[in-house]
Protein backbone atom coordinates (compact mmCIF):
# COMPACT_ATOMS: atom_id res chain seq x y z
CA UNK A 1 -19.13 -180.26 -18.15
CA UNK A 2 -19.87 -176.90 -16.71
CA UNK A 3 -22.35 -175.13 -18.24
CA UNK A 4 -21.94 -170.84 -18.11
CA UNK A 5 -24.03 -169.07 -19.58
CA UNK A 6 -23.98 -165.00 -18.33
CA UNK A 7 -27.04 -163.64 -17.20
CA UNK A 8 -27.99 -160.54 -18.57
CA UNK A 9 -28.82 -157.97 -15.32
CA UNK A 10 -27.85 -154.59 -14.27
CA UNK A 11 -24.92 -156.08 -11.77
CA UNK A 12 -22.03 -154.45 -10.40
CA UNK A 13 -20.36 -157.76 -11.75
CA UNK A 14 -22.42 -160.24 -13.96
CA UNK A 15 -23.54 -163.52 -13.07
CA UNK A 16 -23.03 -166.58 -14.58
CA UNK A 17 -25.25 -169.78 -14.68
CA UNK A 18 -22.49 -172.15 -13.90
CA UNK A 19 -22.81 -175.33 -11.59
CA UNK A 20 -19.87 -176.09 -9.79
CA UNK A 21 -19.74 -178.61 -6.48
CA UNK A 22 -19.17 -176.25 -2.76
CA UNK A 23 -19.32 -177.17 0.41
CA UNK A 24 -20.13 -175.20 3.16
CA UNK A 25 -19.14 -174.95 6.87
CA UNK A 26 -20.74 -172.13 9.62
CA UNK A 27 -20.76 -172.71 13.58
CA UNK A 28 -23.19 -173.39 15.79
CA UNK A 29 -23.39 -174.06 19.56
CA UNK A 30 -22.18 -177.40 18.98
CA UNK A 31 -19.16 -176.99 16.74
CA UNK A 32 -18.59 -176.77 12.67
CA UNK A 33 -21.62 -177.77 10.92
CA UNK A 34 -20.66 -178.78 6.80
CA UNK A 35 -23.38 -179.39 4.23
CA UNK A 36 -22.54 -179.91 0.57
CA UNK A 37 -24.52 -178.79 -2.01
CA UNK A 38 -23.89 -177.06 -6.15
CA UNK A 39 -23.85 -173.77 -7.35
CA UNK A 40 -26.71 -172.32 -9.52
CA UNK A 41 -25.26 -169.13 -10.47
CA UNK A 42 -22.12 -167.13 -9.63
CA UNK A 43 -19.96 -163.88 -9.20
CA UNK A 44 -17.18 -162.50 -8.19
CA UNK A 45 -18.90 -160.94 -5.29
CA UNK A 46 -20.64 -164.26 -4.61
CA UNK A 47 -23.21 -166.72 -5.22
CA UNK A 48 -26.29 -168.60 -5.55
CA UNK A 49 -26.83 -172.56 -4.28
CA UNK A 50 -29.59 -174.94 -2.67
CA UNK A 51 -29.78 -176.05 0.95
CA UNK A 52 -32.00 -178.29 2.35
CA UNK A 53 -32.96 -175.51 5.36
CA UNK A 54 -33.31 -172.38 5.87
CA UNK A 55 -30.28 -170.08 7.08
CA UNK A 56 -30.56 -166.79 8.73
CA UNK A 57 -29.49 -163.64 6.65
CA UNK A 58 -25.87 -162.43 8.05
CA UNK A 59 -25.02 -165.02 9.00
CA UNK A 60 -21.47 -166.06 8.48
CA UNK A 61 -20.43 -169.13 6.41
CA UNK A 62 -16.56 -170.24 4.74
CA UNK A 63 -17.18 -171.42 1.01
CA UNK A 64 -15.35 -173.89 -0.48
CA UNK A 65 -15.67 -174.49 -4.63
CA UNK A 66 -14.76 -175.79 -6.27
CA UNK A 67 -14.83 -178.81 -3.53
CA UNK A 68 -13.45 -181.62 -3.80
CA UNK A 69 -14.64 -184.62 -1.90
CA UNK A 70 -11.34 -186.56 -2.35
CA UNK A 71 -8.98 -184.06 -2.28
CA UNK A 72 -5.63 -184.97 -0.32
CA UNK A 73 -4.86 -181.31 0.66
CA UNK A 74 -5.87 -178.83 2.57
CA UNK A 75 -8.75 -176.51 0.15
CA UNK A 76 -8.99 -172.86 0.59
CA UNK A 77 -12.38 -171.81 2.29
CA UNK A 78 -13.41 -167.96 1.69
CA UNK A 79 -15.60 -166.07 4.14
CA UNK A 80 -18.98 -165.07 2.97
CA UNK A 81 -22.82 -163.63 4.70
CA UNK A 82 -26.00 -165.31 3.89
CA UNK A 83 -28.04 -161.84 2.16
CA UNK A 84 -31.35 -163.85 1.21
CA UNK A 85 -33.39 -167.22 1.45
CA UNK A 86 -36.07 -167.94 -0.51
CA UNK A 87 -38.16 -171.30 0.22
CA UNK A 88 -38.65 -173.88 -2.93
CA UNK A 89 -40.45 -176.72 -1.83
CA UNK A 90 -41.08 -178.21 1.69
CA UNK A 91 -37.40 -179.27 1.87
CA UNK A 92 -35.20 -176.66 -0.12
CA UNK A 93 -34.16 -173.25 0.43
CA UNK A 94 -33.06 -171.14 -2.52
CA UNK A 95 -29.76 -169.53 -0.80
CA UNK A 96 -27.96 -166.17 -1.88
CA UNK A 97 -24.03 -165.66 -0.62
CA UNK A 98 -22.41 -162.83 -0.39
CA UNK A 99 -18.13 -163.27 -0.42
CA UNK A 100 -16.62 -160.95 2.42
CA UNK A 101 -14.26 -158.31 0.86
CA UNK A 102 -10.66 -158.48 1.96
CA UNK A 103 -9.60 -155.52 0.33
CA UNK A 104 -11.23 -153.39 3.40
CA UNK A 105 -9.90 -154.89 6.56
CA UNK A 106 -11.42 -153.49 9.68
CA UNK A 107 -9.34 -149.91 11.08
CA UNK A 108 -6.86 -150.88 13.25
CA UNK A 109 -6.88 -148.51 16.57
CA UNK A 110 -3.58 -146.41 17.04
CA UNK A 111 -1.44 -147.47 19.58
CA UNK A 112 -3.34 -150.72 20.85
CA UNK A 113 -1.16 -152.99 18.62
CA UNK A 114 2.12 -153.23 17.45
CA UNK A 115 1.70 -156.10 14.37
CA UNK A 116 5.98 -157.80 13.88
CA UNK A 117 4.84 -159.03 10.50
CA UNK A 118 2.17 -158.28 7.15
CA UNK A 119 -0.89 -159.53 8.15
CA UNK A 120 -1.83 -162.75 4.83
CA UNK A 121 -5.97 -162.65 4.84
CA UNK A 122 -6.71 -166.91 5.33
CA UNK A 123 -9.34 -168.63 6.54
CA UNK A 124 -8.21 -171.73 8.57
CA UNK A 125 -9.90 -173.41 11.27
CA UNK A 126 -8.46 -173.24 14.61
CA UNK A 127 -9.51 -174.38 18.32
CA UNK A 128 -9.22 -171.59 21.18
CA UNK A 129 -10.17 -171.76 24.85
CA UNK A 130 -9.33 -169.57 27.55
CA UNK A 131 -6.04 -170.53 29.54
CA UNK A 132 -7.80 -172.00 32.45
CA UNK A 133 -10.86 -173.23 30.65
CA UNK A 134 -11.24 -176.66 29.72
CA UNK A 135 -13.80 -176.60 27.01
CA UNK A 136 -12.42 -175.04 23.42
CA UNK A 137 -14.17 -173.25 21.15
CA UNK A 138 -13.98 -174.03 17.42
CA UNK A 139 -13.40 -171.35 14.91
CA UNK A 140 -12.08 -169.82 12.04
CA UNK A 141 -9.13 -167.14 11.54
CA UNK A 142 -10.17 -164.81 9.28
CA UNK A 143 -6.13 -162.98 8.99
CA UNK A 144 -2.73 -164.28 10.12
CA UNK A 145 0.77 -162.99 10.92
CA UNK A 146 4.20 -163.52 12.27
CA UNK A 147 2.99 -162.34 15.55
CA UNK A 148 -0.43 -163.29 16.15
CA UNK A 149 -3.96 -163.91 14.24
CA UNK A 150 -7.50 -162.52 14.04
CA UNK A 151 -10.42 -165.12 14.35
CA UNK A 152 -14.48 -164.91 14.50
CA UNK A 153 -15.99 -165.55 17.94
CA UNK A 154 -19.47 -165.79 20.05
CA UNK A 155 -17.79 -165.79 22.80
CA UNK A 156 -16.89 -163.14 25.29
CA UNK A 157 -13.33 -162.38 25.47
CA UNK A 158 -11.65 -158.70 26.77
CA UNK A 159 -8.14 -157.31 26.05
CA UNK A 160 -5.95 -158.56 28.26
CA UNK A 161 -6.98 -162.56 28.15
CA UNK A 162 -4.46 -165.22 28.21
CA UNK A 163 -5.96 -167.78 25.25
CA UNK A 164 -4.08 -171.18 23.78
CA UNK A 165 -4.91 -171.48 20.22
CA UNK A 166 -4.30 -174.72 18.05
CA UNK A 167 -3.75 -174.89 14.58
CA UNK A 168 -4.00 -178.05 12.39
CA UNK A 169 -2.05 -176.79 9.26
CA UNK A 170 1.42 -176.29 8.20
CA UNK A 171 4.27 -175.83 10.81
CA UNK A 172 1.83 -174.69 13.37
CA UNK A 173 0.23 -177.90 13.67
CA UNK A 174 3.63 -179.81 15.46
CA UNK A 175 3.40 -177.14 17.87
CA UNK A 176 -0.04 -178.03 20.06
CA UNK A 177 -1.38 -175.24 21.81
CA UNK A 178 0.25 -172.25 21.69
CA UNK A 179 -0.57 -169.52 24.68
CA UNK A 180 -1.90 -166.04 23.02
CA UNK A 181 -2.95 -162.66 24.43
CA UNK A 182 -6.02 -160.81 23.43
CA UNK A 183 -4.98 -157.87 22.62
CA UNK A 184 -8.44 -155.86 20.49
CA UNK A 185 -11.93 -156.84 20.04
CA UNK A 186 -13.67 -155.58 17.38
CA UNK A 187 -17.11 -155.63 16.10
CA UNK A 188 -18.46 -157.75 12.58
CA UNK A 189 -20.66 -154.92 10.75
CA UNK A 190 -23.94 -156.98 9.66
CA UNK A 191 -22.83 -160.35 11.59
CA UNK A 192 -24.04 -161.35 15.26
CA UNK A 193 -19.89 -162.57 16.31
CA UNK A 194 -17.07 -160.48 17.28
CA UNK A 195 -13.71 -160.66 16.20
CA UNK A 196 -10.41 -161.17 18.42
CA UNK A 197 -7.13 -160.33 17.28
CA UNK A 198 -4.48 -161.81 19.42
CA UNK A 199 -0.60 -161.70 19.66
CA UNK A 200 1.55 -164.78 20.40
CA UNK A 201 3.17 -164.78 23.92
CA UNK A 202 5.67 -166.71 22.65
CA UNK A 203 6.17 -166.60 18.65
CA UNK A 204 5.90 -169.39 17.24
CA UNK A 205 8.83 -169.68 15.21
CA UNK A 206 10.78 -169.37 18.40
CA UNK A 207 9.62 -173.08 19.39
CA UNK A 208 11.12 -176.25 18.83
């Protein structure tokens, strides 16, 4: 049974004390790491939970809430940032997360990209590798369109780089590695990573 009590605090959005199962995904040098926990409280802009280890403020995570470990369908993930941590005990930290707003996308450089379709803000796991490199990078998209997508990365890419991208969801899953070209690199405000915008070299819908 959910316990919800609105906290009287001077905030833009009221917090509610609510216990929900939550899963966090974040990137490490060795790929994805997952951690499950329960929320302490939540609001429209973020949540508070406990974790067994500290997280560096500014770190990017992807949140699934409420998380169903027995779910048979892909559960949506919301990008967020670690904004505050507090040591509770030798093996427990209280961690505050702030959701990234999709209402203010990064400005697009005029003349650098001709988008063939509307963007949809969607966080999905993908693997990315340069055309002639054997080792792919695991990362997450920030948005997708018919003509391409954007993803966050700790690697160094440049406009014009040729990449091979694999998506394991929807109609794209049957296509394997899809060729794409980097059209823009964006700095991520408050983060340590970059955001790469790519355009499909052969639009997926044209492949059989």
